[in-house]
Amino acid sequence: MQPNVDHTSMWSLIANASLVVQLVMLILVAASVTSWIMIIQRGNAMRAAKRSLDAFEEKFWSGIDLSKLYRQAGSNPDPDSGVEQIFRAGFKEFSRLRQQPGVDPDAVMEGVARAMRVAISREEEKLEQALPFLATVGSTSPYVGLFGTVWGIMNSFRGLSTAQQATLATVAPGIAEALIATAIGLFAAIPAVVAYNRFAARSEMLINRYYTFADEFQAILHRKVHASDE
């Protein structure tokens, strides 16, 4: 006795789908898996950057000598701390220009500002890694799934043209397997869109705090360089 096979189950519909629809499903599943990997990685990186920023700012405003802080940051650098990289870039340029005889204080501050802007740009690139991919998955996955659905429905109606009796039972499996592509597309797109919006907001918040720190650090160095020349 042959076991009953449910031809309307999810796996049966996927297995019986046309090659094009199966390829669309495979692409969407691969995009979903990749986006989830990037979501986890970006989430960990954003949390590490925020923790490092809070810890460094607490140490910076504790009254520690800037030269001592620079030596500590250089001897034990934190790769997750973007603000530490900005501080090191600014203080390194400040020390280098101060050692050169006859350098105008304003020229020193311009060099410091330029060095920190470059460092912030590098940190901005790090924070925005994977965001373009998540945006692409979020915006294109529904359309890719819709393409698979349209293709599957076209095949179903072509099959109806050769059927002697067109009933709902005849066309329903084909339409159901086609709609799975749209469902997978939405499954891939929704988390990617949510993650993109969240990470973009976190990235903007961190970058704004980097610029705020750079401005405050420049003000300290400005007072330092002009006080020494009086």
N, C-alpha and C. Protein backbone atom coordinates (compact mmCIF):
# COMPACT_ATOMS: atom_id res chain seq x y z
N MET A 1 0.85 -1.20 0.00
CA MET A 1 0.00 0.00 0.00
C MET A 1 0.88 1.24 0.00
N GLN A 2 0.65 2.15 -0.92
CA GLN A 2 1.45 3.35 -1.08
C GLN A 2 1.06 4.38 -0.01
N PRO A 3 2.04 5.00 0.65
CA PRO A 3 1.70 6.03 1.62
C PRO A 3 1.12 7.24 0.94
N ASN A 4 0.23 7.91 1.67
CA ASN A 4 -0.39 9.13 1.12
C ASN A 4 0.63 10.27 1.13
N VAL A 5 0.77 10.94 0.03
CA VAL A 5 1.68 12.06 -0.09
C VAL A 5 0.88 13.34 -0.19
N ASP A 6 1.15 14.26 0.69
CA ASP A 6 0.45 15.55 0.68
C ASP A 6 1.14 16.46 -0.32
N HIS A 7 0.52 16.60 -1.47
CA HIS A 7 1.12 17.42 -2.53
C HIS A 7 0.94 18.91 -2.28
N THR A 8 0.20 19.26 -1.21
CA THR A 8 0.03 20.67 -0.90
C THR A 8 0.92 21.11 0.27
N SER A 9 1.78 20.22 0.78
CA SER A 9 2.69 20.61 1.85
C SER A 9 3.74 21.58 1.30
N MET A 10 4.36 22.30 2.20
CA MET A 10 5.33 23.32 1.80
C MET A 10 6.46 22.73 0.99
N TRP A 11 7.04 21.62 1.50
CA TRP A 11 8.20 21.04 0.82
C TRP A 11 7.82 20.44 -0.53
N SER A 12 6.61 19.88 -0.60
CA SER A 12 6.17 19.33 -1.89
C SER A 12 5.97 20.42 -2.92
N LEU A 13 5.41 21.56 -2.47
CA LEU A 13 5.20 22.67 -3.40
C LEU A 13 6.53 23.20 -3.91
N ILE A 14 7.53 23.29 -3.01
CA ILE A 14 8.85 23.78 -3.42
C ILE A 14 9.50 22.78 -4.37
N ALA A 15 9.39 21.49 -4.05
CA ALA A 15 10.02 20.46 -4.89
C ALA A 15 9.39 20.39 -6.26
N ASN A 16 8.08 20.67 -6.34
CA ASN A 16 7.37 20.57 -7.62
C ASN A 16 7.36 21.87 -8.41
N ALA A 17 7.95 22.91 -7.84
CA ALA A 17 7.98 24.19 -8.55
C ALA A 17 8.89 24.10 -9.77
N SER A 18 8.69 25.03 -10.69
CA SER A 18 9.52 25.05 -11.89
C SER A 18 10.95 25.44 -11.53
N LEU A 19 11.87 25.18 -12.45
CA LEU A 19 13.28 25.44 -12.19
C LEU A 19 13.54 26.92 -11.92
N VAL A 20 12.86 27.80 -12.66
CA VAL A 20 13.06 29.23 -12.47
C VAL A 20 12.59 29.66 -11.08
N VAL A 21 11.42 29.16 -10.66
CA VAL A 21 10.90 29.51 -9.34
C VAL A 21 11.82 28.97 -8.24
N GLN A 22 12.32 27.75 -8.42
CA GLN A 22 13.25 27.18 -7.44
C GLN A 22 14.54 27.99 -7.36
N LEU A 23 15.01 28.47 -8.50
CA LEU A 23 16.22 29.29 -8.52
C LEU A 23 15.98 30.61 -7.79
N VAL A 24 14.81 31.21 -8.01
CA VAL A 24 14.46 32.44 -7.30
C VAL A 24 14.43 32.20 -5.80
N MET A 25 13.82 31.09 -5.39
CA MET A 25 13.76 30.76 -3.96
C MET A 25 15.16 30.57 -3.39
N LEU A 26 16.03 29.90 -4.13
CA LEU A 26 17.40 29.66 -3.67
C LEU A 26 18.15 30.98 -3.49
N ILE A 27 17.99 31.89 -4.45
CA ILE A 27 18.65 33.20 -4.36
C ILE A 27 18.16 33.96 -3.13
N LEU A 28 16.85 33.92 -2.90
CA LEU A 28 16.29 34.65 -1.77
C LEU A 28 16.71 34.04 -0.43
N VAL A 29 16.77 32.73 -0.36
CA VAL A 29 17.22 32.08 0.87
C VAL A 29 18.69 32.43 1.14
N ALA A 30 19.51 32.40 0.09
CA ALA A 30 20.93 32.77 0.25
C ALA A 30 21.07 34.22 0.70
N ALA A 31 20.26 35.12 0.12
CA ALA A 31 20.30 36.53 0.52
C ALA A 31 19.86 36.69 1.97
N SER A 32 18.84 35.92 2.38
CA SER A 32 18.36 36.00 3.75
C SER A 32 19.41 35.51 4.74
N VAL A 33 20.05 34.38 4.44
CA VAL A 33 21.07 33.84 5.33
C VAL A 33 22.25 34.82 5.45
N THR A 34 22.68 35.36 4.29
CA THR A 34 23.79 36.31 4.31
C THR A 34 23.45 37.57 5.09
N SER A 35 22.24 38.06 4.91
CA SER A 35 21.84 39.28 5.63
C SER A 35 21.77 39.03 7.14
N TRP A 36 21.32 37.84 7.55
CA TRP A 36 21.28 37.54 8.98
C TRP A 36 22.68 37.46 9.57
N ILE A 37 23.62 36.89 8.81
CA ILE A 37 25.01 36.85 9.27
C ILE A 37 25.53 38.27 9.46
N MET A 38 25.26 39.14 8.48
CA MET A 38 25.72 40.52 8.57
C MET A 38 25.00 41.28 9.68
N ILE A 39 23.73 40.97 9.91
CA ILE A 39 23.00 41.63 10.99
C ILE A 39 23.63 41.31 12.34
N ILE A 40 23.98 40.04 12.54
CA ILE A 40 24.61 39.64 13.81
C ILE A 40 25.97 40.31 13.95
N GLN A 41 26.77 40.28 12.87
CA GLN A 41 28.10 40.90 12.93
C GLN A 41 28.01 42.39 13.17
N ARG A 42 27.12 43.07 12.46
CA ARG A 42 26.99 44.53 12.64
C ARG A 42 26.46 44.87 14.02
N GLY A 43 25.54 44.07 14.52
CA GLY A 43 25.02 44.31 15.86
C GLY A 43 26.12 44.23 16.91
N ASN A 44 26.95 43.20 16.81
CA ASN A 44 28.07 43.06 17.75
C ASN A 44 29.06 44.21 17.62
N ALA A 45 29.35 44.61 16.36
CA ALA A 45 30.30 45.70 16.13
C ALA A 45 29.76 47.03 16.68
N MET A 46 28.47 47.29 16.48
CA MET A 46 27.88 48.54 16.98
C MET A 46 27.90 48.59 18.50
N ARG A 47 27.56 47.47 19.14
CA ARG A 47 27.58 47.44 20.60
C ARG A 47 29.00 47.62 21.14
N ALA A 48 29.97 46.98 20.48
CA ALA A 48 31.37 47.12 20.92
C ALA A 48 31.84 48.56 20.75
N ALA A 49 31.45 49.21 19.65
CA ALA A 49 31.85 50.61 19.41
C ALA A 49 31.25 51.53 20.46
N LYS A 50 29.99 51.28 20.83
CA LYS A 50 29.35 52.14 21.84
C LYS A 50 29.99 51.93 23.21
N ARG A 51 30.25 50.68 23.59
CA ARG A 51 30.90 50.42 24.87
C ARG A 51 32.28 51.07 24.93
N SER A 52 33.04 50.94 23.84
CA SER A 52 34.38 51.53 23.81
C SER A 52 34.32 53.05 23.87
N LEU A 53 33.35 53.63 23.20
CA LEU A 53 33.20 55.09 23.22
C LEU A 53 32.89 55.58 24.63
N ASP A 54 31.96 54.92 25.31
CA ASP A 54 31.61 55.32 26.67
C ASP A 54 32.81 55.18 27.61
N ALA A 55 33.53 54.06 27.47
CA ALA A 55 34.68 53.82 28.36
C ALA A 55 35.78 54.84 28.12
N PHE A 56 36.07 55.15 26.85
CA PHE A 56 37.15 56.10 26.56
C PHE A 56 36.78 57.51 26.99
N GLU A 57 35.53 57.92 26.76
CA GLU A 57 35.13 59.26 27.18
C GLU A 57 35.19 59.40 28.69
N GLU A 58 34.83 58.35 29.43
CA GLU A 58 34.94 58.40 30.88
C GLU A 58 36.39 58.58 31.31
N LYS A 59 37.30 57.88 30.65
CA LYS A 59 38.72 58.00 30.97
C LYS A 59 39.24 59.38 30.55
N PHE A 60 38.79 59.87 29.40
CA PHE A 60 39.27 61.15 28.87
C PHE A 60 38.88 62.29 29.80
N TRP A 61 37.66 62.26 30.30
CA TRP A 61 37.17 63.36 31.14
C TRP A 61 37.48 63.15 32.63
N SER A 62 38.26 62.13 32.94
CA SER A 62 38.61 61.87 34.34
C SER A 62 39.72 62.80 34.82
N GLY A 63 40.30 63.57 33.91
CA GLY A 63 41.38 64.47 34.27
C GLY A 63 42.77 63.90 34.04
N ILE A 64 42.84 62.78 33.35
CA ILE A 64 44.13 62.17 33.06
C ILE A 64 44.93 63.05 32.11
N ASP A 65 46.25 63.04 32.27
CA ASP A 65 47.11 63.80 31.37
C ASP A 65 47.00 63.26 29.95
N LEU A 66 46.88 64.15 28.97
CA LEU A 66 46.67 63.72 27.59
C LEU A 66 47.84 62.92 27.05
N SER A 67 49.05 63.30 27.44
CA SER A 67 50.22 62.55 26.98
C SER A 67 50.21 61.13 27.54
N LYS A 68 49.81 61.00 28.80
CA LYS A 68 49.73 59.67 29.40
C LYS A 68 48.64 58.85 28.74
N LEU A 69 47.50 59.48 28.46
CA LEU A 69 46.41 58.78 27.79
C LEU A 69 46.82 58.33 26.39
N TYR A 70 47.58 59.17 25.70
CA TYR A 70 48.06 58.82 24.36
C TYR A 70 49.01 57.62 24.43
N ARG A 71 49.88 57.60 25.42
CA ARG A 71 50.80 56.47 25.56
C ARG A 71 50.04 55.19 25.90
N GLN A 72 49.04 55.30 26.75
CA GLN A 72 48.24 54.12 27.08
C GLN A 72 47.49 53.59 25.86
N ALA A 73 46.94 54.51 25.08
CA ALA A 73 46.20 54.10 23.88
C ALA A 73 47.13 53.48 22.85
N GLY A 74 48.37 53.97 22.78
CA GLY A 74 49.30 53.42 21.81
C GLY A 74 49.87 52.07 22.23
N SER A 75 50.05 51.88 23.56
CA SER A 75 50.62 50.62 24.04
C SER A 75 49.59 49.50 24.05
N ASN A 76 48.32 49.84 24.25
CA ASN A 76 47.26 48.82 24.28
C ASN A 76 46.06 49.32 23.49
N PRO A 77 46.18 49.41 22.16
CA PRO A 77 45.09 49.96 21.35
C PRO A 77 43.86 49.06 21.34
N ASP A 78 42.70 49.68 21.31
CA ASP A 78 41.43 48.97 21.23
C ASP A 78 40.91 49.08 19.79
N PRO A 79 40.90 47.98 19.03
CA PRO A 79 40.47 48.07 17.62
C PRO A 79 39.00 48.44 17.47
N ASP A 80 38.20 48.23 18.52
CA ASP A 80 36.77 48.53 18.44
C ASP A 80 36.47 49.98 18.79
N SER A 81 37.46 50.70 19.31
CA SER A 81 37.22 52.06 19.79
C SER A 81 37.53 53.07 18.68
N GLY A 82 36.48 53.56 18.05
CA GLY A 82 36.67 54.58 17.02
C GLY A 82 37.15 55.89 17.59
N VAL A 83 36.63 56.26 18.77
CA VAL A 83 37.02 57.53 19.37
C VAL A 83 38.49 57.51 19.78
N GLU A 84 38.98 56.34 20.14
CA GLU A 84 40.41 56.24 20.48
C GLU A 84 41.27 56.50 19.26
N GLN A 85 40.85 56.00 18.10
CA GLN A 85 41.60 56.25 16.87
C GLN A 85 41.59 57.74 16.52
N ILE A 86 40.45 58.39 16.78
CA ILE A 86 40.34 59.82 16.50
C ILE A 86 41.25 60.61 17.44
N PHE A 87 41.24 60.24 18.71
CA PHE A 87 42.09 60.91 19.69
C PHE A 87 43.56 60.73 19.33
N ARG A 88 43.96 59.51 18.99
CA ARG A 88 45.36 59.26 18.67
C ARG A 88 45.78 60.04 17.42
N ALA A 89 44.91 60.09 16.41
CA ALA A 89 45.25 60.83 15.19
C ALA A 89 45.42 62.32 15.49
N GLY A 90 44.51 62.89 16.29
CA GLY A 90 44.59 64.30 16.60
C GLY A 90 45.79 64.64 17.47
N PHE A 91 46.02 63.85 18.51
CA PHE A 91 47.13 64.16 19.41
C PHE A 91 48.48 63.91 18.74
N LYS A 92 48.56 62.91 17.88
CA LYS A 92 49.81 62.63 17.15
C LYS A 92 50.17 63.81 16.25
N GLU A 93 49.18 64.32 15.53
CA GLU A 93 49.42 65.47 14.66
C GLU A 93 49.75 66.71 15.47
N PHE A 94 49.08 66.87 16.60
CA PHE A 94 49.36 68.01 17.48
C PHE A 94 50.80 67.97 17.98
N SER A 95 51.25 66.81 18.44
CA SER A 95 52.62 66.68 18.96
C SER A 95 53.64 66.87 17.85
N ARG A 96 53.34 66.35 16.67
CA ARG A 96 54.30 66.47 15.55
C ARG A 96 54.47 67.92 15.13
N LEU A 97 53.38 68.65 15.01
CA LEU A 97 53.47 70.04 14.57
C LEU A 97 54.06 70.93 15.65
N ARG A 98 53.79 70.62 16.93
CA ARG A 98 54.35 71.43 18.01
C ARG A 98 55.87 71.30 18.09
N GLN A 99 56.40 70.15 17.65
CA GLN A 99 57.85 69.93 17.70
C GLN A 99 58.58 70.67 16.59
N GLN A 100 57.83 71.12 15.58
CA GLN A 100 58.46 71.85 14.48
C GLN A 100 58.58 73.33 14.87
N PRO A 101 59.76 73.90 14.74
CA PRO A 101 59.96 75.31 15.15
C PRO A 101 59.24 76.27 14.21
N GLY A 102 58.69 77.31 14.79
CA GLY A 102 58.10 78.38 14.00
C GLY A 102 56.74 78.07 13.40
N VAL A 103 56.07 77.04 13.86
CA VAL A 103 54.75 76.71 13.31
C VAL A 103 53.70 77.55 14.01
N ASP A 104 52.86 78.20 13.22
CA ASP A 104 51.82 79.05 13.76
C ASP A 104 50.77 78.21 14.51
N PRO A 105 50.28 78.67 15.67
CA PRO A 105 49.27 77.91 16.42
C PRO A 105 48.03 77.58 15.60
N ASP A 106 47.61 78.52 14.74
CA ASP A 106 46.44 78.24 13.90
C ASP A 106 46.73 77.12 12.91
N ALA A 107 47.97 77.07 12.41
CA ALA A 107 48.35 75.99 11.49
C ALA A 107 48.36 74.65 12.23
N VAL A 108 48.76 74.69 13.50
CA VAL A 108 48.73 73.46 14.30
C VAL A 108 47.29 72.95 14.43
N MET A 109 46.38 73.85 14.74
CA MET A 109 44.99 73.45 14.93
C MET A 109 44.34 72.99 13.63
N GLU A 110 44.74 73.62 12.52
CA GLU A 110 44.22 73.17 11.23
C GLU A 110 44.68 71.75 10.92
N GLY A 111 45.95 71.46 11.23
CA GLY A 111 46.46 70.11 11.02
C GLY A 111 45.76 69.09 11.90
N VAL A 112 45.50 69.46 13.16
CA VAL A 112 44.80 68.57 14.09
C VAL A 112 43.39 68.30 13.58
N ALA A 113 42.69 69.35 13.16
CA ALA A 113 41.32 69.19 12.66
C ALA A 113 41.29 68.30 11.43
N ARG A 114 42.25 68.48 10.55
CA ARG A 114 42.31 67.67 9.33
C ARG A 114 42.57 66.20 9.66
N ALA A 115 43.49 65.94 10.59
CA ALA A 115 43.82 64.56 10.96
C ALA A 115 42.61 63.87 11.59
N MET A 116 41.87 64.59 12.42
CA MET A 116 40.70 63.97 13.07
C MET A 116 39.55 63.77 12.09
N ARG A 117 39.42 64.66 11.10
CA ARG A 117 38.38 64.46 10.08
C ARG A 117 38.65 63.19 9.28
N VAL A 118 39.92 62.96 8.95
CA VAL A 118 40.28 61.75 8.22
C VAL A 118 39.98 60.51 9.06
N ALA A 119 40.32 60.58 10.36
CA ALA A 119 40.06 59.45 11.25
C ALA A 119 38.56 59.18 11.38
N ILE A 120 37.76 60.25 11.48
CA ILE A 120 36.31 60.08 11.57
C ILE A 120 35.76 59.46 10.30
N SER A 121 36.28 59.87 9.15
CA SER A 121 35.82 59.29 7.88
C SER A 121 36.11 57.79 7.83
N ARG A 122 37.26 57.38 8.33
CA ARG A 122 37.58 55.96 8.36
C ARG A 122 36.64 55.20 9.28
N GLU A 123 36.35 55.78 10.44
CA GLU A 123 35.43 55.12 11.37
C GLU A 123 34.02 55.08 10.79
N GLU A 124 33.66 56.10 10.04
CA GLU A 124 32.34 56.11 9.40
C GLU A 124 32.22 54.98 8.39
N GLU A 125 33.29 54.73 7.65
CA GLU A 125 33.29 53.61 6.70
C GLU A 125 33.12 52.28 7.42
N LYS A 126 33.80 52.14 8.56
CA LYS A 126 33.68 50.90 9.33
C LYS A 126 32.25 50.69 9.82
N LEU A 127 31.64 51.76 10.34
CA LEU A 127 30.29 51.65 10.88
C LEU A 127 29.26 51.34 9.81
N GLU A 128 29.50 51.79 8.59
CA GLU A 128 28.52 51.63 7.52
C GLU A 128 28.77 50.39 6.66
N GLN A 129 29.70 49.55 7.09
CA GLN A 129 29.91 48.29 6.38
C GLN A 129 28.64 47.45 6.43
N ALA A 130 28.33 46.79 5.33
CA ALA A 130 27.18 45.88 5.19
C ALA A 130 25.85 46.62 5.06
N LEU A 131 25.80 47.91 5.37
CA LEU A 131 24.53 48.62 5.24
C LEU A 131 24.04 48.68 3.79
N PRO A 132 24.91 48.93 2.81
CA PRO A 132 24.41 48.89 1.42
C PRO A 132 23.83 47.53 1.03
N PHE A 133 24.45 46.44 1.51
CA PHE A 133 23.92 45.11 1.18
C PHE A 133 22.54 44.92 1.81
N LEU A 134 22.38 45.31 3.08
CA LEU A 134 21.08 45.17 3.73
C LEU A 134 20.02 46.02 3.03
N ALA A 135 20.41 47.21 2.59
CA ALA A 135 19.47 48.06 1.87
C ALA A 135 19.06 47.42 0.55
N THR A 136 20.03 46.80 -0.13
CA THR A 136 19.73 46.14 -1.41
C THR A 136 18.80 44.96 -1.21
N VAL A 137 19.10 44.13 -0.20
CA VAL A 137 18.23 42.97 0.08
C VAL A 137 16.83 43.44 0.44
N GLY A 138 16.75 44.47 1.29
CA GLY A 138 15.45 44.95 1.72
C GLY A 138 14.61 45.54 0.60
N SER A 139 15.26 46.17 -0.37
CA SER A 139 14.50 46.83 -1.43
C SER A 139 14.22 45.92 -2.63
N THR A 140 15.07 44.94 -2.89
CA THR A 140 14.91 44.13 -4.09
C THR A 140 14.29 42.76 -3.85
N SER A 141 14.40 42.22 -2.63
CA SER A 141 13.89 40.86 -2.38
C SER A 141 12.40 40.71 -2.70
N PRO A 142 11.53 41.66 -2.30
CA PRO A 142 10.12 41.49 -2.67
C PRO A 142 9.90 41.43 -4.17
N TYR A 143 10.67 42.19 -4.94
CA TYR A 143 10.50 42.17 -6.39
C TYR A 143 11.02 40.88 -7.00
N VAL A 144 12.12 40.37 -6.45
CA VAL A 144 12.63 39.08 -6.93
C VAL A 144 11.61 37.99 -6.63
N GLY A 145 11.05 38.01 -5.42
CA GLY A 145 10.01 37.03 -5.08
C GLY A 145 8.78 37.18 -5.96
N LEU A 146 8.41 38.42 -6.25
CA LEU A 146 7.26 38.66 -7.12
C LEU A 146 7.52 38.13 -8.52
N PHE A 147 8.76 38.28 -8.99
CA PHE A 147 9.11 37.71 -10.30
C PHE A 147 8.89 36.20 -10.31
N GLY A 148 9.34 35.52 -9.24
CA GLY A 148 9.12 34.07 -9.16
C GLY A 148 7.65 33.72 -9.12
N THR A 149 6.86 34.54 -8.42
CA THR A 149 5.42 34.29 -8.35
C THR A 149 4.75 34.46 -9.71
N VAL A 150 5.09 35.52 -10.39
CA VAL A 150 4.51 35.77 -11.71
C VAL A 150 4.87 34.65 -12.68
N TRP A 151 6.13 34.24 -12.62
CA TRP A 151 6.57 33.15 -13.50
C TRP A 151 5.81 31.86 -13.19
N GLY A 152 5.65 31.55 -11.91
CA GLY A 152 4.94 30.34 -11.53
C GLY A 152 3.47 30.38 -11.94
N ILE A 153 2.81 31.53 -11.78
CA ILE A 153 1.41 31.65 -12.18
C ILE A 153 1.27 31.53 -13.69
N MET A 154 2.22 32.08 -14.44
CA MET A 154 2.19 31.93 -15.89
C MET A 154 2.26 30.46 -16.28
N ASN A 155 3.12 29.70 -15.62
CA ASN A 155 3.20 28.28 -15.91
C ASN A 155 1.91 27.56 -15.56
N SER A 156 1.26 27.98 -14.45
CA SER A 156 0.00 27.35 -14.05
C SER A 156 -1.08 27.59 -15.10
N PHE A 157 -1.17 28.80 -15.60
CA PHE A 157 -2.19 29.09 -16.61
C PHE A 157 -1.87 28.44 -17.95
N ARG A 158 -0.58 28.29 -18.26
CA ARG A 158 -0.23 27.54 -19.47
C ARG A 158 -0.66 26.08 -19.35
N GLY A 159 -0.50 25.54 -18.13
CA GLY A 159 -0.96 24.17 -17.92
C GLY A 159 -2.46 24.05 -18.03
N LEU A 160 -3.19 25.09 -17.62
CA LEU A 160 -4.65 25.06 -17.74
C LEU A 160 -5.11 25.00 -19.19
N SER A 161 -4.31 25.58 -20.08
CA SER A 161 -4.73 25.62 -21.48
C SER A 161 -4.76 24.23 -22.11
N THR A 162 -3.98 23.32 -21.53
CA THR A 162 -3.95 21.95 -22.08
C THR A 162 -4.82 20.99 -21.28
N ALA A 163 -5.39 21.47 -20.16
CA ALA A 163 -6.23 20.59 -19.35
C ALA A 163 -7.62 20.51 -19.95
N GLN A 164 -8.20 19.31 -19.85
CA GLN A 164 -9.55 19.12 -20.39
C GLN A 164 -10.60 19.79 -19.51
N GLN A 165 -10.35 19.78 -18.21
CA GLN A 165 -11.31 20.38 -17.28
C GLN A 165 -10.56 21.26 -16.30
N ALA A 166 -10.81 22.55 -16.34
CA ALA A 166 -10.11 23.51 -15.48
C ALA A 166 -10.88 23.67 -14.18
N THR A 167 -10.28 23.21 -13.11
CA THR A 167 -10.89 23.34 -11.78
C THR A 167 -9.90 24.03 -10.84
N LEU A 168 -10.43 24.41 -9.68
CA LEU A 168 -9.58 25.04 -8.68
C LEU A 168 -8.50 24.08 -8.21
N ALA A 169 -8.83 22.80 -8.11
CA ALA A 169 -7.85 21.81 -7.67
C ALA A 169 -6.71 21.68 -8.68
N THR A 170 -6.99 22.01 -9.92
CA THR A 170 -5.96 21.90 -10.95
C THR A 170 -4.97 23.06 -10.87
N VAL A 171 -5.48 24.25 -10.66
CA VAL A 171 -4.62 25.43 -10.70
C VAL A 171 -4.06 25.83 -9.33
N ALA A 172 -4.72 25.41 -8.25
CA ALA A 172 -4.32 25.85 -6.90
C ALA A 172 -2.89 25.48 -6.54
N PRO A 173 -2.43 24.23 -6.77
CA PRO A 173 -1.05 23.91 -6.40
C PRO A 173 -0.02 24.78 -7.09
N GLY A 174 -0.23 25.05 -8.38
CA GLY A 174 0.71 25.88 -9.12
C GLY A 174 0.77 27.30 -8.58
N ILE A 175 -0.43 27.86 -8.26
CA ILE A 175 -0.45 29.21 -7.71
C ILE A 175 0.17 29.23 -6.31
N ALA A 176 -0.09 28.19 -5.52
CA ALA A 176 0.46 28.14 -4.16
C ALA A 176 1.98 28.07 -4.19
N GLU A 177 2.53 27.24 -5.07
CA GLU A 177 4.00 27.15 -5.14
C GLU A 177 4.61 28.44 -5.64
N ALA A 178 3.87 29.16 -6.49
CA ALA A 178 4.38 30.44 -6.97
C ALA A 178 4.38 31.49 -5.86
N LEU A 179 3.34 31.47 -5.02
CA LEU A 179 3.25 32.46 -3.95
C LEU A 179 4.31 32.26 -2.87
N ILE A 180 4.86 31.06 -2.78
CA ILE A 180 5.92 30.82 -1.80
C ILE A 180 7.11 31.73 -2.09
N ALA A 181 7.38 31.99 -3.36
CA ALA A 181 8.51 32.86 -3.73
C ALA A 181 8.32 34.25 -3.15
N THR A 182 7.10 34.78 -3.24
CA THR A 182 6.83 36.09 -2.66
C THR A 182 6.99 36.07 -1.14
N ALA A 183 6.52 34.99 -0.51
CA ALA A 183 6.65 34.87 0.94
C ALA A 183 8.12 34.85 1.36
N ILE A 184 8.95 34.11 0.63
CA ILE A 184 10.38 34.05 0.96
C ILE A 184 11.02 35.42 0.73
N GLY A 185 10.58 36.10 -0.32
CA GLY A 185 11.10 37.44 -0.58
C GLY A 185 10.80 38.40 0.55
N LEU A 186 9.58 38.34 1.08
CA LEU A 186 9.23 39.19 2.22
C LEU A 186 9.99 38.77 3.47
N PHE A 187 10.18 37.47 3.64
CA PHE A 187 10.93 36.96 4.79
C PHE A 187 12.37 37.46 4.76
N ALA A 188 12.94 37.59 3.56
CA ALA A 188 14.30 38.11 3.44
C ALA A 188 14.33 39.62 3.59
N ALA A 189 13.31 40.31 3.09
CA ALA A 189 13.34 41.77 3.03
C ALA A 189 13.06 42.43 4.37
N ILE A 190 12.07 41.93 5.11
CA ILE A 190 11.63 42.62 6.33
C ILE A 190 12.75 42.74 7.37
N PRO A 191 13.45 41.64 7.73
CA PRO A 191 14.55 41.80 8.70
C PRO A 191 15.66 42.72 8.18
N ALA A 192 15.93 42.66 6.87
CA ALA A 192 16.99 43.50 6.31
C ALA A 192 16.63 44.98 6.42
N VAL A 193 15.37 45.32 6.16
CA VAL A 193 14.94 46.72 6.25
C VAL A 193 14.99 47.21 7.69
N VAL A 194 14.48 46.38 8.61
CA VAL A 194 14.49 46.76 10.03
C VAL A 194 15.93 46.95 10.52
N ALA A 195 16.80 46.00 10.16
CA ALA A 195 18.20 46.08 10.59
C ALA A 195 18.89 47.29 9.98
N TYR A 196 18.61 47.56 8.70
CA TYR A 196 19.24 48.72 8.05
C TYR A 196 18.86 50.02 8.75
N ASN A 197 17.58 50.19 9.02
CA ASN A 197 17.14 51.42 9.68
C ASN A 197 17.75 51.56 11.08
N ARG A 198 17.80 50.44 11.79
CA ARG A 198 18.35 50.48 13.15
C ARG A 198 19.85 50.79 13.13
N PHE A 199 20.58 50.10 12.25
CA PHE A 199 22.03 50.30 12.20
C PHE A 199 22.38 51.68 11.66
N ALA A 200 21.59 52.17 10.70
CA ALA A 200 21.84 53.51 10.17
C ALA A 200 21.66 54.56 11.27
N ALA A 201 20.63 54.39 12.11
CA ALA A 201 20.41 55.33 13.21
C ALA A 201 21.53 55.24 14.24
N ARG A 202 21.96 54.01 14.56
CA ARG A 202 23.06 53.85 15.52
C ARG A 202 24.35 54.44 14.97
N SER A 203 24.60 54.19 13.69
CA SER A 203 25.81 54.72 13.08
C SER A 203 25.81 56.24 13.10
N GLU A 204 24.68 56.85 12.78
CA GLU A 204 24.60 58.31 12.80
C GLU A 204 24.81 58.85 14.21
N MET A 205 24.26 58.15 15.22
CA MET A 205 24.44 58.58 16.60
C MET A 205 25.91 58.52 17.01
N LEU A 206 26.59 57.43 16.65
CA LEU A 206 28.00 57.29 17.01
C LEU A 206 28.86 58.34 16.29
N ILE A 207 28.57 58.56 15.02
CA ILE A 207 29.35 59.53 14.25
C ILE A 207 29.15 60.94 14.82
N ASN A 208 27.92 61.27 15.21
CA ASN A 208 27.67 62.58 15.82
C ASN A 208 28.46 62.72 17.13
N ARG A 209 28.53 61.65 17.89
CA ARG A 209 29.31 61.70 19.13
C ARG A 209 30.82 61.81 18.82
N TYR A 210 31.26 61.20 17.73
CA TYR A 210 32.66 61.35 17.34
C TYR A 210 32.97 62.80 17.01
N TYR A 211 32.08 63.43 16.25
CA TYR A 211 32.30 64.84 15.90
C TYR A 211 32.25 65.73 17.14
N THR A 212 31.35 65.42 18.06
CA THR A 212 31.28 66.19 19.29
C THR A 212 32.57 66.05 20.10
N PHE A 213 33.07 64.83 20.21
CA PHE A 213 34.33 64.62 20.92
C PHE A 213 35.47 65.36 20.23
N ALA A 214 35.51 65.30 18.90
CA ALA A 214 36.58 65.97 18.16
C ALA A 214 36.54 67.48 18.40
N ASP A 215 35.34 68.07 18.42
CA ASP A 215 35.23 69.51 18.69
C ASP A 215 35.70 69.85 20.10
N GLU A 216 35.31 69.02 21.07
CA GLU A 216 35.72 69.29 22.45
C GLU A 216 37.23 69.10 22.62
N PHE A 217 37.77 68.08 21.96
CA PHE A 217 39.20 67.83 22.03
C PHE A 217 39.98 68.97 21.37
N GLN A 218 39.46 69.47 20.25
CA GLN A 218 40.10 70.61 19.60
C GLN A 218 40.09 71.85 20.49
N ALA A 219 39.02 72.04 21.22
CA ALA A 219 38.95 73.20 22.12
C ALA A 219 40.01 73.09 23.21
N ILE A 220 40.22 71.89 23.74
CA ILE A 220 41.24 71.69 24.76
C ILE A 220 42.63 71.96 24.19
N LEU A 221 42.89 71.41 23.00
CA LEU A 221 44.20 71.61 22.38
C LEU A 221 44.41 73.07 21.99
N HIS A 222 43.31 73.74 21.60
CA HIS A 222 43.40 75.15 21.24
C HIS A 222 43.86 75.99 22.44
N ARG A 223 43.24 75.72 23.59
CA ARG A 223 43.66 76.44 24.80
C ARG A 223 45.10 76.09 25.17
N LYS A 224 45.46 74.83 24.96
CA LYS A 224 46.80 74.37 25.32
C LYS A 224 47.87 75.04 24.45
N VAL A 225 47.64 75.09 23.13
CA VAL A 225 48.63 75.63 22.22
C VAL A 225 48.76 77.15 22.38
N HIS A 226 47.66 77.83 22.67
CA HIS A 226 47.75 79.28 22.83
C HIS A 226 48.28 79.67 24.21
N ALA A 227 48.00 78.85 25.20
CA ALA A 227 48.52 79.15 26.53
C ALA A 227 50.04 79.01 26.59
N SER A 228 50.57 78.05 25.83
CA SER A 228 52.03 77.84 25.84
C SER A 228 52.75 78.92 25.06
N ASP A 229 52.04 79.66 24.18
CA ASP A 229 52.70 80.68 23.37
C ASP A 229 52.60 82.06 24.01
N GLU A 230 51.88 82.14 25.11
CA GLU A 230 51.75 83.46 25.75
C GLU A 230 53.00 83.79 26.58
